[in-house]
């Protein structure tokens, strides 16, 4: 279904203040959310530190969409190249409520996402 047909059928709403959907090169383009922007930023920076600067090694990556509750979670785990026994994780998550509050611009509610930084170290007792 074309953008114009969606717009005229009432399936999507045209909002001159915020363009949640806009027409570009014949396809629908969606505005990224806070979660999407932060995810791409962290992902790009950490992969640059791995591939270009060779300071860290990415050891694990998870990008989850929980279909029942429509929540999202992104995790990148890494370690310093010269200190592999210490790992760090960047975990970014958002819920359906937070996404809906942002996209629908609901004045009551908490828009955004959550960020956790975790560090782990294996300790061997003598």
PDB file of N, CA and C in Angstrom:
ATOM      1  N   UNK A   1       0.845  -1.167   0.000  1.00  0.00           N
ATOM      2  CA  UNK A   1       0.000   0.000   0.000  1.00  0.00           C
ATOM      3  C   UNK A   1       0.897   1.238   0.000  1.00  0.00           C
ATOM      4  N   UNK A   2       0.614   2.203  -0.837  1.00  0.00           N
ATOM      5  CA  UNK A   2       1.461   3.382  -0.943  1.00  0.00           C
ATOM      6  C   UNK A   2       1.241   4.319   0.253  1.00  0.00           C
ATOM      7  N   UNK A   3       2.201   5.209   0.453  1.00  0.00           N
ATOM      8  CA  UNK A   3       2.123   6.191   1.530  1.00  0.00           C
ATOM      9  C   UNK A   3       0.852   7.028   1.414  1.00  0.00           C
ATOM     10  N   UNK A   4       0.555   7.496   0.197  1.00  0.00           N
ATOM     11  CA  UNK A   4      -0.625   8.342  -0.013  1.00  0.00           C
ATOM     12  C   UNK A   4      -1.922   7.595   0.335  1.00  0.00           C
ATOM     13  N   UNK A   5      -2.002   6.313  -0.034  1.00  0.00           N
ATOM     14  CA  UNK A   5      -3.202   5.523   0.285  1.00  0.00           C
ATOM     15  C   UNK A   5      -3.317   5.307   1.796  1.00  0.00           C
ATOM     16  N   UNK A   6      -2.165   5.040   2.467  1.00  0.00           N
ATOM     17  CA  UNK A   6      -2.192   4.900   3.922  1.00  0.00           C
ATOM     18  C   UNK A   6      -2.647   6.196   4.583  1.00  0.00           C
ATOM     19  N   UNK A   7      -2.137   7.312   4.102  1.00  0.00           N
ATOM     20  CA  UNK A   7      -2.483   8.609   4.666  1.00  0.00           C
ATOM     21  C   UNK A   7      -3.971   8.903   4.487  1.00  0.00           C
ATOM     22  N   UNK A   8      -4.495   8.697   3.292  1.00  0.00           N
ATOM     23  CA  UNK A   8      -5.900   9.011   3.015  1.00  0.00           C
ATOM     24  C   UNK A   8      -6.865   8.013   3.634  1.00  0.00           C
ATOM     25  N   UNK A   9      -6.403   6.784   3.886  1.00  0.00           N
ATOM     26  CA  UNK A   9      -7.285   5.792   4.494  1.00  0.00           C
ATOM     27  C   UNK A   9      -7.398   5.983   6.004  1.00  0.00           C
ATOM     28  N   UNK A  10      -6.518   6.799   6.588  1.00  0.00           N
ATOM     29  CA  UNK A  10      -6.565   7.025   8.026  1.00  0.00           C
ATOM     30  C   UNK A  10      -5.741   6.030   8.820  1.00  0.00           C
ATOM     31  N   UNK A  11      -5.048   5.096   8.130  1.00  0.00           N
ATOM     32  CA  UNK A  11      -4.220   4.131   8.838  1.00  0.00           C
ATOM     33  C   UNK A  11      -3.049   4.835   9.520  1.00  0.00           C
ATOM     34  N   UNK A  12      -2.476   5.830   8.846  1.00  0.00           N
ATOM     35  CA  UNK A  12      -1.451   6.655   9.488  1.00  0.00           C
ATOM     36  C   UNK A  12      -1.955   8.081   9.554  1.00  0.00           C
ATOM     37  N   UNK A  13      -1.392   8.843  10.471  1.00  0.00           N
ATOM     38  CA  UNK A  13      -1.821  10.218  10.695  1.00  0.00           C
ATOM     39  C   UNK A  13      -0.703  11.161  10.272  1.00  0.00           C
ATOM     40  N   UNK A  14      -1.032  12.180   9.493  1.00  0.00           N
ATOM     41  CA  UNK A  14      -0.065  13.192   9.121  1.00  0.00           C
ATOM     42  C   UNK A  14      -0.003  14.218  10.235  1.00  0.00           C
ATOM     43  N   UNK A  15       1.169  14.484  10.710  1.00  0.00           N
ATOM     44  CA  UNK A  15       1.361  15.440  11.793  1.00  0.00           C
ATOM     45  C   UNK A  15       2.437  16.423  11.342  1.00  0.00           C
ATOM     46  N   UNK A  16       2.070  17.674  11.145  1.00  0.00           N
ATOM     47  CA  UNK A  16       3.037  18.647  10.635  1.00  0.00           C
ATOM     48  C   UNK A  16       4.117  18.987  11.654  1.00  0.00           C
ATOM     49  N   UNK A  17       3.868  18.723  12.942  1.00  0.00           N
ATOM     50  CA  UNK A  17       4.860  19.023  13.972  1.00  0.00           C
ATOM     51  C   UNK A  17       5.956  17.965  14.004  1.00  0.00           C
ATOM     52  N   UNK A  18       5.585  16.709  13.925  1.00  0.00           N
ATOM     53  CA  UNK A  18       6.556  15.607  13.982  1.00  0.00           C
ATOM     54  C   UNK A  18       6.226  14.627  12.872  1.00  0.00           C
ATOM     55  N   UNK A  19       7.191  14.313  12.071  1.00  0.00           N
ATOM     56  CA  UNK A  19       6.984  13.396  10.956  1.00  0.00           C
ATOM     57  C   UNK A  19       7.384  11.989  11.386  1.00  0.00           C
ATOM     58  N   UNK A  20       6.435  11.217  11.894  1.00  0.00           N
ATOM     59  CA  UNK A  20       6.708   9.835  12.265  1.00  0.00           C
ATOM     60  C   UNK A  20       6.927   8.975  11.028  1.00  0.00           C
ATOM     61  N   UNK A  21       6.252   9.291   9.972  1.00  0.00           N
ATOM     62  CA  UNK A  21       6.441   8.619   8.694  1.00  0.00           C
ATOM     63  C   UNK A  21       6.622   9.682   7.629  1.00  0.00           C
ATOM     64  N   UNK A  22       7.562   9.491   6.755  1.00  0.00           N
ATOM     65  CA  UNK A  22       7.661  10.420   5.649  1.00  0.00           C
ATOM     66  C   UNK A  22       8.066   9.683   4.394  1.00  0.00           C
ATOM     67  N   UNK A  23       7.753  10.298   3.273  1.00  0.00           N
ATOM     68  CA  UNK A  23       7.951   9.660   1.983  1.00  0.00           C
ATOM     69  C   UNK A  23       9.332  10.040   1.465  1.00  0.00           C
ATOM     70  N   UNK A  24      10.107   9.021   1.099  1.00  0.00           N
ATOM     71  CA  UNK A  24      11.426   9.278   0.535  1.00  0.00           C
ATOM     72  C   UNK A  24      11.716   8.177  -0.469  1.00  0.00           C
ATOM     73  N   UNK A  25      11.983   8.552  -1.682  1.00  0.00           N
ATOM     74  CA  UNK A  25      12.340   7.618  -2.753  1.00  0.00           C
ATOM     75  C   UNK A  25      11.310   6.500  -2.908  1.00  0.00           C
ATOM     76  N   UNK A  26      10.045   6.824  -2.720  1.00  0.00           N
ATOM     77  CA  UNK A  26       8.990   5.860  -2.952  1.00  0.00           C
ATOM     78  C   UNK A  26       8.779   4.842  -1.852  1.00  0.00           C
ATOM     79  N   UNK A  27       9.446   4.983  -0.711  1.00  0.00           N
ATOM     80  CA  UNK A  27       9.259   4.026   0.378  1.00  0.00           C
ATOM     81  C   UNK A  27       9.000   4.778   1.677  1.00  0.00           C
ATOM     82  N   UNK A  28       8.510   4.059   2.676  1.00  0.00           N
ATOM     83  CA  UNK A  28       8.243   4.669   3.975  1.00  0.00           C
ATOM     84  C   UNK A  28       9.521   4.704   4.801  1.00  0.00           C
ATOM     85  N   UNK A  29       9.786   5.826   5.443  1.00  0.00           N
ATOM     86  CA  UNK A  29      10.947   5.968   6.317  1.00  0.00           C
ATOM     87  C   UNK A  29      10.419   6.296   7.712  1.00  0.00           C
ATOM     88  N   UNK A  30      10.957   5.641   8.730  1.00  0.00           N
ATOM     89  CA  UNK A  30      10.530   5.859  10.100  1.00  0.00           C
ATOM     90  C   UNK A  30      11.572   6.656  10.842  1.00  0.00           C
ATOM     91  N   UNK A  31      11.129   7.593  11.667  1.00  0.00           N
ATOM     92  CA  UNK A  31      12.050   8.331  12.525  1.00  0.00           C
ATOM     93  C   UNK A  31      12.585   7.382  13.583  1.00  0.00           C
ATOM     94  N   UNK A  32      13.887   7.409  13.833  1.00  0.00           N
ATOM     95  CA  UNK A  32      14.431   6.541  14.882  1.00  0.00           C
ATOM     96  C   UNK A  32      14.046   7.041  16.268  1.00  0.00           C
ATOM     97  N   UNK A  33      13.963   6.120  17.198  1.00  0.00           N
ATOM     98  CA  UNK A  33      13.650   6.460  18.588  1.00  0.00           C
ATOM     99  C   UNK A  33      14.946   6.730  19.346  1.00  0.00           C
ATOM    100  N   UNK A  34      14.812   7.164  20.596  1.00  0.00           N
ATOM    101  CA  UNK A  34      15.969   7.364  21.461  1.00  0.00           C
ATOM    102  C   UNK A  34      16.764   6.064  21.546  1.00  0.00           C
ATOM    103  N   UNK A  35      16.072   4.948  21.736  1.00  0.00           N
ATOM    104  CA  UNK A  35      16.712   3.633  21.817  1.00  0.00           C
ATOM    105  C   UNK A  35      17.527   3.350  20.555  1.00  0.00           C
ATOM    106  N   UNK A  36      16.922   3.559  19.384  1.00  0.00           N
ATOM    107  CA  UNK A  36      17.612   3.289  18.118  1.00  0.00           C
ATOM    108  C   UNK A  36      18.855   4.161  17.959  1.00  0.00           C
ATOM    109  N   UNK A  37      18.741   5.441  18.280  1.00  0.00           N
ATOM    110  CA  UNK A  37      19.884   6.356  18.152  1.00  0.00           C
ATOM    111  C   UNK A  37      21.028   5.953  19.080  1.00  0.00           C
ATOM    112  N   UNK A  38      20.719   5.643  20.341  1.00  0.00           N
ATOM    113  CA  UNK A  38      21.763   5.247  21.282  1.00  0.00           C
ATOM    114  C   UNK A  38      22.381   3.906  20.894  1.00  0.00           C
ATOM    115  N   UNK A  39      21.556   2.972  20.459  1.00  0.00           N
ATOM    116  CA  UNK A  39      22.052   1.656  20.047  1.00  0.00           C
ATOM    117  C   UNK A  39      23.076   1.799  18.923  1.00  0.00           C
ATOM    118  N   UNK A  40      22.748   2.552  17.901  1.00  0.00           N
ATOM    119  CA  UNK A  40      23.656   2.747  16.768  1.00  0.00           C
ATOM    120  C   UNK A  40      24.929   3.466  17.220  1.00  0.00           C
ATOM    121  N   UNK A  41      24.788   4.464  18.088  1.00  0.00           N
ATOM    122  CA  UNK A  41      25.956   5.190  18.587  1.00  0.00           C
ATOM    123  C   UNK A  41      26.909   4.301  19.363  1.00  0.00           C
ATOM    124  N   UNK A  42      26.388   3.541  20.326  1.00  0.00           N
ATOM    125  CA  UNK A  42      27.235   2.632  21.109  1.00  0.00           C
ATOM    126  C   UNK A  42      27.851   1.555  20.216  1.00  0.00           C
ATOM    127  N   UNK A  43      27.035   0.989  19.347  1.00  0.00           N
ATOM    128  CA  UNK A  43      27.505  -0.076  18.465  1.00  0.00           C
ATOM    129  C   UNK A  43      28.654   0.417  17.579  1.00  0.00           C
ATOM    130  N   UNK A  44      28.476   1.569  16.948  1.00  0.00           N
ATOM    131  CA  UNK A  44      29.514   2.119  16.074  1.00  0.00           C
ATOM    132  C   UNK A  44      30.800   2.415  16.843  1.00  0.00           C
ATOM    133  N   UNK A  45      30.663   3.047  18.000  1.00  0.00           N
ATOM    134  CA  UNK A  45      31.854   3.420  18.769  1.00  0.00           C
ATOM    135  C   UNK A  45      32.611   2.182  19.261  1.00  0.00           C
ATOM    136  N   UNK A  46      31.892   1.201  19.798  1.00  0.00           N
ATOM    137  CA  UNK A  46      32.562   0.007  20.315  1.00  0.00           C
ATOM    138  C   UNK A  46      33.193  -0.819  19.191  1.00  0.00           C
ATOM    139  N   UNK A  47      32.532  -0.936  18.048  1.00  0.00           N
ATOM    140  CA  UNK A  47      33.146  -1.661  16.930  1.00  0.00           C
ATOM    141  C   UNK A  47      34.355  -0.898  16.368  1.00  0.00           C
ATOM    142  N   UNK A  48      34.335   0.432  16.416  1.00  0.00           N
ATOM    143  CA  UNK A  48      35.522   1.210  16.029  1.00  0.00           C
ATOM    144  C   UNK A  48      36.683   0.936  16.974  1.00  0.00           C
ATOM    145  N   UNK A  49      36.393   0.862  18.285  1.00  0.00           N
ATOM    146  CA  UNK A  49      37.444   0.547  19.253  1.00  0.00           C
ATOM    147  C   UNK A  49      37.997  -0.864  19.027  1.00  0.00           C
ATOM    148  N   UNK A  50      37.164  -1.763  18.520  1.00  0.00           N
ATOM    149  CA  UNK A  50      37.599  -3.132  18.232  1.00  0.00           C
ATOM    150  C   UNK A  50      38.379  -3.196  16.915  1.00  0.00           C
ATOM    151  N   UNK A  51      37.789  -2.747  15.838  1.00  0.00           N
ATOM    152  CA  UNK A  51      38.367  -2.939  14.505  1.00  0.00           C
ATOM    153  C   UNK A  51      39.410  -1.905  14.101  1.00  0.00           C
ATOM    154  N   UNK A  52      39.202  -0.652  14.440  1.00  0.00           N
ATOM    155  CA  UNK A  52      40.120   0.402  13.996  1.00  0.00           C
ATOM    156  C   UNK A  52      41.236   0.667  15.007  1.00  0.00           C
ATOM    157  N   UNK A  53      40.845   0.898  16.264  1.00  0.00           N
ATOM    158  CA  UNK A  53      41.834   1.241  17.290  1.00  0.00           C
ATOM    159  C   UNK A  53      42.486   0.016  17.924  1.00  0.00           C
ATOM    160  N   UNK A  54      41.840  -1.129  17.806  1.00  0.00           N
ATOM    161  CA  UNK A  54      42.326  -2.395  18.362  1.00  0.00           C
ATOM    162  C   UNK A  54      42.631  -2.303  19.861  1.00  0.00           C
ATOM    163  N   UNK A  55      41.752  -1.591  20.595  1.00  0.00           N
ATOM    164  CA  UNK A  55      41.897  -1.473  22.047  1.00  0.00           C
ATOM    165  C   UNK A  55      41.093  -2.533  22.783  1.00  0.00           C
ATOM    166  N   UNK A  56      39.963  -2.916  22.210  1.00  0.00           N
ATOM    167  CA  UNK A  56      39.092  -3.909  22.842  1.00  0.00           C
ATOM    168  C   UNK A  56      38.804  -5.032  21.862  1.00  0.00           C
ATOM    169  N   UNK A  57      38.254  -6.119  22.377  1.00  0.00           N
ATOM    170  CA  UNK A  57      37.743  -7.217  21.545  1.00  0.00           C
ATOM    171  C   UNK A  57      36.281  -7.428  21.916  1.00  0.00           C
ATOM    172  N   UNK A  58      35.412  -7.411  20.934  1.00  0.00           N
ATOM    173  CA  UNK A  58      33.995  -7.705  21.160  1.00  0.00           C
ATOM    174  C   UNK A  58      33.885  -9.216  21.361  1.00  0.00           C
ATOM    175  N   UNK A  59      33.329  -9.638  22.489  1.00  0.00           N
ATOM    176  CA  UNK A  59      33.246 -11.068  22.803  1.00  0.00           C
ATOM    177  C   UNK A  59      31.829 -11.627  22.699  1.00  0.00           C
ATOM    178  N   UNK A  60      30.805 -10.765  22.727  1.00  0.00           N
ATOM    179  CA  UNK A  60      29.428 -11.244  22.618  1.00  0.00           C
ATOM    180  C   UNK A  60      28.537 -10.087  22.187  1.00  0.00           C
ATOM    181  N   UNK A  61      27.464 -10.436  21.490  1.00  0.00           N
ATOM    182  CA  UNK A  61      26.497  -9.427  21.037  1.00  0.00           C
ATOM    183  C   UNK A  61      25.126 -10.070  21.043  1.00  0.00           C
ATOM    184  N   UNK A  62      24.148  -9.341  21.593  1.00  0.00           N
ATOM    185  CA  UNK A  62      22.760  -9.805  21.587  1.00  0.00           C
ATOM    186  C   UNK A  62      21.871  -8.622  21.216  1.00  0.00           C
ATOM    187  N   UNK A  63      20.926  -8.878  20.346  1.00  0.00           N
ATOM    188  CA  UNK A  63      19.959  -7.863  19.920  1.00  0.00           C
ATOM    189  C   UNK A  63      18.601  -8.550  19.934  1.00  0.00           C
ATOM    190  N   UNK A  64      17.823  -8.313  20.982  1.00  0.00           N
ATOM    191  CA  UNK A  64      16.593  -9.071  21.208  1.00  0.00           C
ATOM    192  C   UNK A  64      15.345  -8.209  21.073  1.00  0.00           C
ATOM    193  N   UNK A  65      14.330  -8.817  20.489  1.00  0.00           N
ATOM    194  CA  UNK A  65      12.992  -8.244  20.444  1.00  0.00           C
ATOM    195  C   UNK A  65      12.075  -9.267  21.080  1.00  0.00           C
ATOM    196  N   UNK A  66      11.509  -8.929  22.215  1.00  0.00           N
ATOM    197  CA  UNK A  66      10.622  -9.837  22.935  1.00  0.00           C
ATOM    198  C   UNK A  66       9.210  -9.586  22.398  1.00  0.00           C
ATOM    199  N   UNK A  67       8.692 -10.551  21.653  1.00  0.00           N
ATOM    200  CA  UNK A  67       7.456 -10.347  20.900  1.00  0.00           C
ATOM    201  C   UNK A  67       6.201 -10.244  21.761  1.00  0.00           C
ATOM    202  N   UNK A  68       6.141 -10.937  22.886  1.00  0.00           N
ATOM    203  CA  UNK A  68       4.927 -10.902  23.710  1.00  0.00           C
ATOM    204  C   UNK A  68       4.721  -9.523  24.329  1.00  0.00           C
ATOM    205  N   UNK A  69       5.764  -8.959  24.875  1.00  0.00           N
ATOM    206  CA  UNK A  69       5.648  -7.642  25.514  1.00  0.00           C
ATOM    207  C   UNK A  69       6.180  -6.508  24.669  1.00  0.00           C
ATOM    208  N   UNK A  70       6.704  -6.821  23.490  1.00  0.00           N
ATOM    209  CA  UNK A  70       7.264  -5.849  22.550  1.00  0.00           C
ATOM    210  C   UNK A  70       8.375  -4.997  23.176  1.00  0.00           C
ATOM    211  N   UNK A  71       9.176  -5.601  24.038  1.00  0.00           N
ATOM    212  CA  UNK A  71      10.322  -4.885  24.594  1.00  0.00           C
ATOM    213  C   UNK A  71      11.555  -5.212  23.754  1.00  0.00           C
ATOM    214  N   UNK A  72      12.571  -4.367  23.853  1.00  0.00           N
ATOM    215  CA  UNK A  72      13.794  -4.553  23.089  1.00  0.00           C
ATOM    216  C   UNK A  72      14.991  -4.468  24.017  1.00  0.00           C
ATOM    217  N   UNK A  73      16.032  -5.239  23.698  1.00  0.00           N
ATOM    218  CA  UNK A  73      17.259  -5.196  24.489  1.00  0.00           C
ATOM    219  C   UNK A  73      18.455  -5.427  23.566  1.00  0.00           C
ATOM    220  N   UNK A  74      19.478  -4.625  23.763  1.00  0.00           N
ATOM    221  CA  UNK A  74      20.718  -4.732  23.007  1.00  0.00           C
ATOM    222  C   UNK A  74      21.867  -4.833  23.997  1.00  0.00           C
ATOM    223  N   UNK A  75      22.804  -5.772  23.740  1.00  0.00           N
ATOM    224  CA  UNK A  75      23.943  -5.954  24.633  1.00  0.00           C
ATOM    225  C   UNK A  75      25.190  -6.215  23.809  1.00  0.00           C
ATOM    226  N   UNK A  76      26.258  -5.505  24.139  1.00  0.00           N
ATOM    227  CA  UNK A  76      27.575  -5.768  23.575  1.00  0.00           C
ATOM    228  C   UNK A  76      28.524  -6.026  24.731  1.00  0.00           C
ATOM    229  N   UNK A  77      29.237  -7.149  24.667  1.00  0.00           N
ATOM    230  CA  UNK A  77      30.219  -7.483  25.701  1.00  0.00           C
ATOM    231  C   UNK A  77      31.602  -7.381  25.074  1.00  0.00           C
ATOM    232  N   UNK A  78      32.554  -6.870  25.843  1.00  0.00           N
ATOM    233  CA  UNK A  78      33.898  -6.656  25.315  1.00  0.00           C
ATOM    234  C   UNK A  78      34.924  -6.798  26.433  1.00  0.00           C
ATOM    235  N   UNK A  79      36.185  -6.916  26.039  1.00  0.00           N
ATOM    236  CA  UNK A  79      37.286  -6.919  27.003  1.00  0.00           C
ATOM    237  C   UNK A  79      38.444  -6.125  26.404  1.00  0.00           C
ATOM    238  N   UNK A  80      39.314  -5.621  27.257  1.00  0.00           N
ATOM    239  CA  UNK A  80      40.528  -4.978  26.777  1.00  0.00           C
ATOM    240  C   UNK A  80      41.410  -6.050  26.155  1.00  0.00           C
ATOM    241  N   UNK A  81      42.084  -5.724  25.083  1.00  0.00           N
ATOM    242  CA  UNK A  81      42.898  -6.741  24.404  1.00  0.00           C
ATOM    243  C   UNK A  81      44.036  -7.239  25.282  1.00  0.00           C
ATOM    244  N   UNK A  82      44.572  -6.382  26.135  1.00  0.00           N
ATOM    245  CA  UNK A  82      45.680  -6.800  26.988  1.00  0.00           C
ATOM    246  C   UNK A  82      45.228  -7.258  28.372  1.00  0.00           C
ATOM    247  N   UNK A  83      43.913  -7.342  28.608  1.00  0.00           N
ATOM    248  CA  UNK A  83      43.386  -7.762  29.914  1.00  0.00           C
ATOM    249  C   UNK A  83      42.072  -8.527  29.719  1.00  0.00           C
ATOM    250  N   UNK A  84      42.125  -9.733  29.127  1.00  0.00           N
ATOM    251  CA  UNK A  84      40.882 -10.448  28.787  1.00  0.00           C
ATOM    252  C   UNK A  84      40.103 -10.985  29.977  1.00  0.00           C
ATOM    253  N   UNK A  85      40.696 -11.012  31.178  1.00  0.00           N
ATOM    254  CA  UNK A  85      39.966 -11.539  32.337  1.00  0.00           C
ATOM    255  C   UNK A  85      38.931 -10.552  32.884  1.00  0.00           C
ATOM    256  N   UNK A  86      38.969  -9.307  32.445  1.00  0.00           N
ATOM    257  CA  UNK A  86      37.975  -8.308  32.840  1.00  0.00           C
ATOM    258  C   UNK A  86      37.112  -7.997  31.618  1.00  0.00           C
ATOM    259  N   UNK A  87      35.792  -8.177  31.767  1.00  0.00           N
ATOM    260  CA  UNK A  87      34.886  -7.887  30.654  1.00  0.00           C
ATOM    261  C   UNK A  87      33.950  -6.747  31.033  1.00  0.00           C
ATOM    262  N   UNK A  88      33.507  -6.033  30.032  1.00  0.00           N
ATOM    263  CA  UNK A  88      32.519  -4.975  30.205  1.00  0.00           C
ATOM    264  C   UNK A  88      31.330  -5.246  29.308  1.00  0.00           C
ATOM    265  N   UNK A  89      30.181  -4.781  29.712  1.00  0.00           N
ATOM    266  CA  UNK A  89      28.962  -4.929  28.918  1.00  0.00           C
ATOM    267  C   UNK A  89      28.228  -3.597  28.868  1.00  0.00           C
ATOM    268  N   UNK A  90      27.726  -3.277  27.709  1.00  0.00           N
ATOM    269  CA  UNK A  90      26.804  -2.158  27.528  1.00  0.00           C
ATOM    270  C   UNK A  90      25.459  -2.787  27.221  1.00  0.00           C
ATOM    271  N   UNK A  91      24.464  -2.526  28.077  1.00  0.00           N
ATOM    272  CA  UNK A  91      23.119  -3.095  27.897  1.00  0.00           C
ATOM    273  C   UNK A  91      22.141  -1.930  27.776  1.00  0.00           C
ATOM    274  N   UNK A  92      21.397  -1.923  26.696  1.00  0.00           N
ATOM    275  CA  UNK A  92      20.408  -0.887  26.429  1.00  0.00           C
ATOM    276  C   UNK A  92      19.066  -1.577  26.245  1.00  0.00           C
ATOM    277  N   UNK A  93      18.027  -1.117  26.941  1.00  0.00           N
ATOM    278  CA  UNK A  93      16.714  -1.757  26.808  1.00  0.00           C
ATOM    279  C   UNK A  93      15.611  -0.716  26.847  1.00  0.00           C
ATOM    280  N   UNK A  94      14.475  -1.094  26.282  1.00  0.00           N
ATOM    281  CA  UNK A  94      13.303  -0.233  26.291  1.00  0.00           C
ATOM    282  C   UNK A  94      12.055  -1.110  26.282  1.00  0.00           C
ATOM    283  N   UNK A  95      10.978  -0.571  26.825  1.00  0.00           N
ATOM    284  CA  UNK A  95       9.711  -1.305  26.897  1.00  0.00           C
ATOM    285  C   UNK A  95       8.717  -0.727  25.894  1.00  0.00           C
ATOM    286  N   UNK A  96       7.639  -1.447  25.691  1.00  0.00           N
ATOM    287  CA  UNK A  96       6.575  -0.964  24.816  1.00  0.00           C
ATOM    288  C   UNK A  96       6.037   0.373  25.311  1.00  0.00           C
ATOM    289  N   UNK A  97       5.864   0.504  26.620  1.00  0.00           N
ATOM    290  CA  UNK A  97       5.340   1.750  27.190  1.00  0.00           C
ATOM    291  C   UNK A  97       6.264   2.931  26.892  1.00  0.00           C
ATOM    292  N   UNK A  98       7.560   2.727  27.054  1.00  0.00           N
ATOM    293  CA  UNK A  98       8.517   3.813  26.784  1.00  0.00           C
ATOM    294  C   UNK A  98       8.539   4.178  25.305  1.00  0.00           C
ATOM    295  N   UNK A  99       8.493   3.176  24.428  1.00  0.00           N
ATOM    296  CA  UNK A  99       8.458   3.453  22.990  1.00  0.00           C
ATOM    297  C   UNK A  99       7.181   4.181  22.593  1.00  0.00           C
ATOM    298  N   UNK A 100       6.043   3.722  23.105  1.00  0.00           N
ATOM    299  CA  UNK A 100       4.758   4.343  22.769  1.00  0.00           C
ATOM    300  C   UNK A 100       4.697   5.780  23.277  1.00  0.00           C
ATOM    301  N   UNK A 101       5.222   6.020  24.486  1.00  0.00           N
ATOM    302  CA  UNK A 101       5.220   7.372  25.038  1.00  0.00           C
ATOM    303  C   UNK A 101       6.010   8.320  24.144  1.00  0.00           C
ATOM    304  N   UNK A 102       7.137   7.839  23.626  1.00  0.00           N
ATOM    305  CA  UNK A 102       7.956   8.679  22.746  1.00  0.00           C
ATOM    306  C   UNK A 102       7.318   8.870  21.374  1.00  0.00           C
ATOM    307  N   UNK A 103       6.909   7.788  20.736  1.00  0.00           N
ATOM    308  CA  UNK A 103       6.398   7.864  19.367  1.00  0.00           C
ATOM    309  C   UNK A 103       5.082   8.617  19.296  1.00  0.00           C
ATOM    310  N   UNK A 104       4.186   8.364  20.266  1.00  0.00           N
ATOM    311  CA  UNK A 104       2.881   9.018  20.264  1.00  0.00           C
ATOM    312  C   UNK A 104       2.882  10.364  20.970  1.00  0.00           C
ATOM    313  N   UNK A 105       4.052  10.743  21.518  1.00  0.00           N
ATOM    314  CA  UNK A 105       4.220  12.014  22.228  1.00  0.00           C
ATOM    315  C   UNK A 105       3.189  12.179  23.340  1.00  0.00           C
ATOM    316  N   UNK A 106       3.062  11.163  24.170  1.00  0.00           N
ATOM    317  CA  UNK A 106       2.147  11.189  25.304  1.00  0.00           C
ATOM    318  C   UNK A 106       2.784  12.030  26.411  1.00  0.00           C
ATOM    319  N   UNK A 107       2.108  13.072  26.877  1.00  0.00           N
ATOM    320  CA  UNK A 107       2.719  13.961  27.868  1.00  0.00           C
ATOM    321  C   UNK A 107       2.928  13.313  29.233  1.00  0.00           C
ATOM    322  N   UNK A 108       2.111  12.328  29.574  1.00  0.00           N
ATOM    323  CA  UNK A 108       2.250  11.630  30.850  1.00  0.00           C
ATOM    324  C   UNK A 108       2.954  10.306  30.562  1.00  0.00           C
ATOM    325  N   UNK A 109       4.034  10.062  31.238  1.00  0.00           N
ATOM    326  CA  UNK A 109       4.768   8.821  31.015  1.00  0.00           C
ATOM    327  C   UNK A 109       6.246   9.088  30.881  1.00  0.00           C
ATOM    328  N   UNK A 110       6.997   8.011  30.829  1.00  0.00           N
ATOM    329  CA  UNK A 110       8.448   8.085  30.764  1.00  0.00           C
ATOM    330  C   UNK A 110       8.901   7.595  29.391  1.00  0.00           C
ATOM    331  N   UNK A 111       9.298   8.518  28.537  1.00  0.00           N
ATOM    332  CA  UNK A 111       9.833   8.143  27.232  1.00  0.00           C
ATOM    333  C   UNK A 111      11.328   7.879  27.381  1.00  0.00           C
ATOM    334  N   UNK A 112      11.855   7.024  26.538  1.00  0.00           N
ATOM    335  CA  UNK A 112      13.293   6.793  26.559  1.00  0.00           C
ATOM    336  C   UNK A 112      13.645   5.333  26.672  1.00  0.00           C
ATOM    337  N   UNK A 113      14.770   5.075  27.340  1.00  0.00           N
ATOM    338  CA  UNK A 113      15.266   3.715  27.492  1.00  0.00           C
ATOM    339  C   UNK A 113      16.170   3.656  28.721  1.00  0.00           C
ATOM    340  N   UNK A 114      16.646   2.446  29.027  1.00  0.00           N
ATOM    341  CA  UNK A 114      17.525   2.242  30.186  1.00  0.00           C
ATOM    342  C   UNK A 114      18.889   1.795  29.694  1.00  0.00           C
ATOM    343  N   UNK A 115      19.929   2.243  30.399  1.00  0.00           N
ATOM    344  CA  UNK A 115      21.302   1.891  30.055  1.00  0.00           C
ATOM    345  C   UNK A 115      21.979   1.307  31.283  1.00  0.00           C
ATOM    346  N   UNK A 116      22.592   0.146  31.121  1.00  0.00           N
ATOM    347  CA  UNK A 116      23.384  -0.465  32.188  1.00  0.00           C
ATOM    348  C   UNK A 116      24.795  -0.657  31.671  1.00  0.00           C
ATOM    349  N   UNK A 117      25.761  -0.376  32.522  1.00  0.00           N
ATOM    350  CA  UNK A 117      27.162  -0.691  32.261  1.00  0.00           C
ATOM    351  C   UNK A 117      27.568  -1.712  33.303  1.00  0.00           C
ATOM    352  N   UNK A 118      28.018  -2.868  32.868  1.00  0.00           N
ATOM    353  CA  UNK A 118      28.395  -3.947  33.780  1.00  0.00           C
ATOM    354  C   UNK A 118      29.855  -4.310  33.537  1.00  0.00           C
ATOM    355  N   UNK A 119      30.551  -4.603  34.627  1.00  0.00           N
ATOM    356  CA  UNK A 119      31.934  -5.048  34.533  1.00  0.00           C
ATOM    357  C   UNK A 119      32.074  -6.334  35.333  1.00  0.00           C
ATOM    358  N   UNK A 120      32.778  -7.304  34.793  1.00  0.00           N
ATOM    359  CA  UNK A 120      32.980  -8.601  35.424  1.00  0.00           C
ATOM    360  C   UNK A 120      34.465  -8.934  35.432  1.00  0.00           C
ATOM    361  N   UNK A 121      34.893  -9.562  36.518  1.00  0.00           N
ATOM    362  CA  UNK A 121      36.270 -10.000  36.615  1.00  0.00           C
ATOM    363  C   UNK A 121      36.307 -11.368  37.275  1.00  0.00           C
ATOM    364  N   UNK A 122      37.011 -12.280  36.661  1.00  0.00           N
ATOM    365  CA  UNK A 122      37.168 -13.618  37.231  1.00  0.00           C
ATOM    366  C   UNK A 122      38.288 -13.562  38.270  1.00  0.00           C
ATOM    367  N   UNK A 123      37.952 -13.992  39.473  1.00  0.00           N
ATOM    368  CA  UNK A 123      38.928 -14.011  40.557  1.00  0.00           C
ATOM    369  C   UNK A 123      39.150 -15.461  40.976  1.00  0.00           C
ATOM    370  N   UNK A 124      40.385 -15.874  40.938  1.00  0.00           N
ATOM    371  CA  UNK A 124      40.729 -17.241  41.343  1.00  0.00           C
ATOM    372  C   UNK A 124      41.326 -17.192  42.754  1.00  0.00           C
ATOM    373  N   UNK A 125      40.727 -17.961  43.644  1.00  0.00           N
ATOM    374  CA  UNK A 125      41.239 -18.010  45.014  1.00  0.00           C
ATOM    375  C   UNK A 125      42.385 -19.015  45.080  1.00  0.00           C
ATOM    376  N   UNK A 126      43.440 -18.657  45.836  1.00  0.00           N
ATOM    377  CA  UNK A 126      44.586 -19.595  45.949  1.00  0.00           C
ATOM    378  C   UNK A 126      44.267 -20.808  46.786  1.00  0.00           C
TER     379      UNK A 126
END
